[in-house]
Amino acid sequence: MGTRTPTSYRGPMIDEQNAPHDRDREPRYEAVPGVVLRPVSPDDAETLARAYRRNRDHLRPWDPRRPEVFYTTEGQAARLRDLEALRRERRVMPWVLAEDDDRGEIVGVVNLNNIVHGAFHSTNLGYWIDAGHTGRGLATAAVSAVCTDAYERLGLHRVEAGTLLDNTASQRVLAKCGFEPIGIARNYLHINDAWRDHRLYQRILGDRPPAG
């Protein structure tokens, strides 16, 4: 919807105002053989647009309505420019899962959104996996790795995620990655043309990680 199993290492608290932004130092993981998890790049607009078009029906039950421009290379290029600006401000950390070959097709997305520092040091997690690549353990591998990075490199304390009440596949991924349910949020997001209740989860990143 990760595989570096998080360690119990107490990650550094990063000075978000003064820490340099260095793309070359950002991590890259093998999620499963043949698929890498890496930070999104401004060069990903074309393949990201293809991925969203390919998965339009697959994602419709879980995603908000998108404007048509969202599914174009131009729309994704504009979106990636906005994400890059937010990332430089340490407000988001967007990732993609990509095939590790010459084409590098994107087969999944993992985002840390709404990053808050100060006394909170928290973020919101969102993710999806290409319809043709479900059942391979990609979501679990990616979420686990992103949580490790959030703790050890970004210095965050907590990750929150929400799923539709009937999205049991995503709920299983979160449970495997050490998230705990914290309640139901009524009419939480406007999804598929209606306000939908969501089950909320959190993971305290300093807690002992799940085994395996």
Protein backbone atom coordinates (compact mmCIF):
# COMPACT_ATOMS: atom_id res chain seq x y z
CA MET A 1 0.00 0.00 0.00
CA GLY A 2 8.43 -2.08 4.62
CA THR A 3 12.14 -3.95 4.09
CA ARG A 4 14.30 -2.46 6.47
CA THR A 5 13.00 -3.62 9.80
CA PRO A 6 13.23 -0.62 12.15
CA THR A 7 15.82 -0.87 14.87
CA SER A 8 15.56 0.36 18.44
CA TYR A 9 18.15 3.04 17.67
CA ARG A 10 17.20 6.44 19.06
CA GLY A 11 17.33 8.55 15.90
CA PRO A 12 18.89 12.01 15.80
CA MET A 13 16.70 15.05 16.17
CA ILE A 14 17.40 17.07 13.04
CA ASP A 15 17.54 20.87 13.06
CA GLU A 16 14.84 21.30 10.43
CA GLN A 17 15.65 24.97 9.91
CA ASN A 18 19.35 24.57 9.17
CA ALA A 19 19.90 21.01 7.95
CA PRO A 20 21.06 20.95 4.30
CA HIS A 21 18.98 19.33 1.57
CA ASP A 22 21.22 16.85 -0.24
CA ARG A 23 19.49 14.51 -2.70
CA ASP A 24 22.65 12.43 -3.13
CA ARG A 25 22.53 11.44 0.56
CA GLU A 26 18.91 10.31 0.48
CA PRO A 27 18.40 6.58 0.98
CA ARG A 28 17.45 3.94 -1.53
CA TYR A 29 16.14 0.50 -0.54
CA GLU A 30 15.43 -2.75 -2.33
CA ALA A 31 11.79 -3.32 -1.36
CA VAL A 32 11.62 -6.72 -3.06
CA PRO A 33 13.91 -8.16 -5.74
CA GLY A 34 13.58 -5.98 -8.82
CA VAL A 35 11.80 -3.06 -7.13
CA VAL A 36 13.49 -0.14 -5.37
CA LEU A 37 12.07 2.39 -2.94
CA ARG A 38 13.54 5.85 -3.50
CA PRO A 39 12.63 9.50 -3.01
CA VAL A 40 10.56 10.91 -5.86
CA SER A 41 12.45 12.99 -8.44
CA PRO A 42 11.31 15.90 -10.63
CA ASP A 43 12.21 13.60 -13.55
CA ASP A 44 9.42 11.16 -12.58
CA ALA A 45 6.54 13.17 -14.07
CA GLU A 46 6.00 11.03 -17.17
CA THR A 47 6.21 7.61 -15.52
CA LEU A 48 4.18 8.82 -12.53
CA ALA A 49 1.42 10.05 -14.85
CA ARG A 50 1.43 6.64 -16.56
CA ALA A 51 1.17 4.90 -13.19
CA TYR A 52 -1.83 6.99 -12.13
CA ARG A 53 -3.57 6.44 -15.49
CA ARG A 54 -2.90 2.71 -15.32
CA ASN A 55 -4.33 2.52 -11.80
CA ARG A 56 -7.20 4.95 -12.17
CA ASP A 57 -9.94 2.36 -11.66
CA HIS A 58 -7.90 0.51 -9.04
CA LEU A 59 -7.52 3.63 -6.89
CA ARG A 60 -11.00 5.10 -7.40
CA PRO A 61 -12.58 3.49 -4.29
CA TRP A 62 -9.79 4.83 -2.03
CA ASP A 63 -8.79 8.22 -3.45
CA PRO A 64 -10.39 11.66 -3.70
CA ARG A 65 -11.65 12.76 -7.11
CA ARG A 66 -8.80 14.03 -9.28
CA PRO A 67 -8.94 16.67 -12.05
CA GLU A 68 -8.09 15.36 -15.52
CA VAL A 69 -4.82 17.29 -15.60
CA PHE A 70 -3.61 15.17 -12.66
CA TYR A 71 -3.25 12.21 -15.05
CA THR A 72 -1.02 14.08 -17.52
CA THR A 73 2.75 14.50 -17.58
CA GLU A 74 2.27 18.27 -17.32
CA GLY A 75 0.01 17.91 -14.31
CA GLN A 76 2.45 15.62 -12.54
CA ALA A 77 5.37 17.92 -13.37
CA ALA A 78 3.57 20.82 -11.69
CA ARG A 79 2.70 18.63 -8.72
CA LEU A 80 6.31 17.46 -8.37
CA ARG A 81 7.53 21.06 -8.39
CA ASP A 82 5.16 21.82 -5.52
CA LEU A 83 6.28 18.69 -3.65
CA GLU A 84 9.93 19.61 -4.10
CA ALA A 85 9.32 23.04 -2.57
CA LEU A 86 7.52 21.45 0.38
CA ARG A 87 10.25 18.86 0.80
CA ARG A 88 12.91 21.57 0.98
CA GLU A 89 10.86 23.07 3.82
CA ARG A 90 10.79 19.60 5.47
CA ARG A 91 7.00 19.49 5.32
CA VAL A 92 6.69 16.35 3.16
CA MET A 93 8.81 13.35 2.19
CA PRO A 94 7.50 11.69 -1.00
CA TRP A 95 8.73 8.26 -2.17
CA VAL A 96 8.10 5.99 -5.14
CA LEU A 97 8.48 2.28 -5.71
CA ALA A 98 10.07 1.76 -9.12
CA GLU A 99 11.16 -1.22 -11.17
CA ASP A 100 14.94 -1.52 -11.05
CA ASP A 101 15.53 -1.63 -14.80
CA ASP A 102 16.12 0.74 -17.70
CA ARG A 103 12.48 1.86 -17.85
CA GLY A 104 12.05 2.38 -14.11
CA GLU A 105 8.26 2.15 -14.20
CA ILE A 106 6.65 3.38 -10.99
CA VAL A 107 4.60 0.67 -9.27
CA GLY A 108 3.72 2.39 -6.01
CA VAL A 109 3.82 5.60 -4.01
CA VAL A 110 4.48 6.27 -0.31
CA ASN A 111 4.14 9.78 1.08
CA LEU A 112 4.86 11.37 4.43
CA ASN A 113 2.60 14.44 4.49
CA ASN A 114 1.91 17.25 6.95
CA ILE A 115 5.25 16.87 8.72
CA VAL A 116 5.20 18.90 11.93
CA HIS A 117 8.33 19.50 14.00
CA GLY A 118 8.63 21.37 17.28
CA ALA A 119 6.98 19.58 20.20
CA PHE A 120 5.01 17.21 17.91
CA HIS A 121 7.55 15.66 15.47
CA SER A 122 4.75 13.82 13.68
CA THR A 123 3.60 13.07 10.13
CA ASN A 124 0.76 11.47 8.16
CA LEU A 125 1.40 8.40 6.00
CA GLY A 126 -0.28 7.58 2.69
CA TYR A 127 0.53 4.87 0.15
CA TRP A 128 -0.73 2.79 -2.76
CA ILE A 129 0.52 -0.14 -4.83
CA ASP A 130 0.01 -0.77 -8.56
CA ALA A 131 -2.83 -3.22 -9.26
CA GLY A 132 -0.41 -5.52 -11.07
CA HIS A 133 2.00 -5.69 -8.14
CA THR A 134 -0.23 -6.36 -5.13
CA GLY A 135 0.42 -9.47 -3.06
CA ARG A 136 4.23 -9.19 -3.32
CA GLY A 137 4.85 -7.61 0.08
CA LEU A 138 5.69 -4.23 -1.46
CA ALA A 139 3.44 -2.22 0.84
CA THR A 140 4.78 -3.79 4.02
CA ALA A 141 8.39 -3.42 2.85
CA ALA A 142 7.93 0.20 1.82
CA VAL A 143 6.01 1.35 4.90
CA SER A 144 8.54 -0.29 7.21
CA ALA A 145 11.49 1.33 5.40
CA VAL A 146 9.85 4.76 5.34
CA CYS A 147 9.14 4.55 9.07
CA THR A 148 12.79 3.68 9.71
CA ASP A 149 13.90 6.65 7.64
CA ALA A 150 11.41 8.96 9.38
CA TYR A 151 12.93 8.03 12.73
CA GLU A 152 16.62 7.69 11.98
CA ARG A 153 17.14 10.38 9.33
CA LEU A 154 14.24 12.83 9.71
CA GLY A 155 14.15 12.62 13.50
CA LEU A 156 10.37 12.14 13.74
CA HIS A 157 8.59 10.66 16.75
CA ARG A 158 5.21 9.53 15.43
CA VAL A 159 3.48 8.47 12.20
CA GLU A 160 -0.29 8.52 11.76
CA ALA A 161 -2.29 6.76 9.03
CA GLY A 162 -5.97 6.39 8.19
CA THR A 163 -7.87 3.78 6.19
CA LEU A 164 -11.45 3.40 5.06
CA LEU A 165 -13.28 1.08 7.42
CA ASP A 166 -13.49 -1.70 4.82
CA ASN A 167 -9.89 -1.42 3.59
CA THR A 168 -8.76 -4.52 5.44
CA ALA A 169 -5.71 -5.05 3.20
CA SER A 170 -4.25 -1.69 4.21
CA GLN A 171 -5.13 -2.34 7.85
CA ARG A 172 -3.16 -5.61 7.73
CA VAL A 173 -0.14 -3.76 6.32
CA LEU A 174 -0.25 -1.20 9.12
CA ALA A 175 -0.56 -3.91 11.78
CA LYS A 176 2.46 -5.76 10.35
CA CYS A 177 4.44 -2.51 10.48
CA GLY A 178 3.74 -1.87 14.15
CA PHE A 179 0.82 0.57 13.93
CA GLU A 180 -1.93 0.52 16.57
CA PRO A 181 -5.57 1.58 16.06
CA ILE A 182 -6.47 4.79 17.88
CA GLY A 183 -10.10 5.32 16.92
CA ILE A 184 -12.63 6.15 14.22
CA ALA A 185 -12.77 9.59 12.59
CA ARG A 186 -16.30 10.26 11.30
CA ASN A 187 -16.63 11.84 7.84
CA TYR A 188 -12.85 12.15 7.75
CA LEU A 189 -12.15 12.48 4.01
CA HIS A 190 -14.19 13.05 0.85
CA ILE A 191 -13.55 9.84 -1.09
CA ASN A 192 -15.34 8.54 -4.18
CA ASP A 193 -17.94 11.35 -4.03
CA ALA A 194 -18.90 11.01 -0.36
CA TRP A 195 -17.59 11.83 3.10
CA ARG A 196 -16.13 8.62 4.52
CA ASP A 197 -15.37 7.45 8.04
CA HIS A 198 -11.78 6.31 8.57
CA ARG A 199 -10.05 4.08 11.07
CA LEU A 200 -6.99 5.90 12.42
CA TYR A 201 -3.67 4.29 13.36
CA GLN A 202 -0.43 5.52 14.84
CA ARG A 203 3.07 4.23 15.34
CA ILE A 204 5.37 5.69 17.98
CA LEU A 205 8.70 5.33 16.24
CA GLY A 206 10.77 4.89 19.39
CA ASP A 207 8.77 1.83 20.46
CA ARG A 208 10.20 -1.64 19.91
CA PRO A 209 9.50 -2.58 16.26
CA PRO A 210 7.52 -5.66 15.22
CA ALA A 211 9.51 -8.88 14.94
CA GLY A 212 10.56 -10.04 11.48
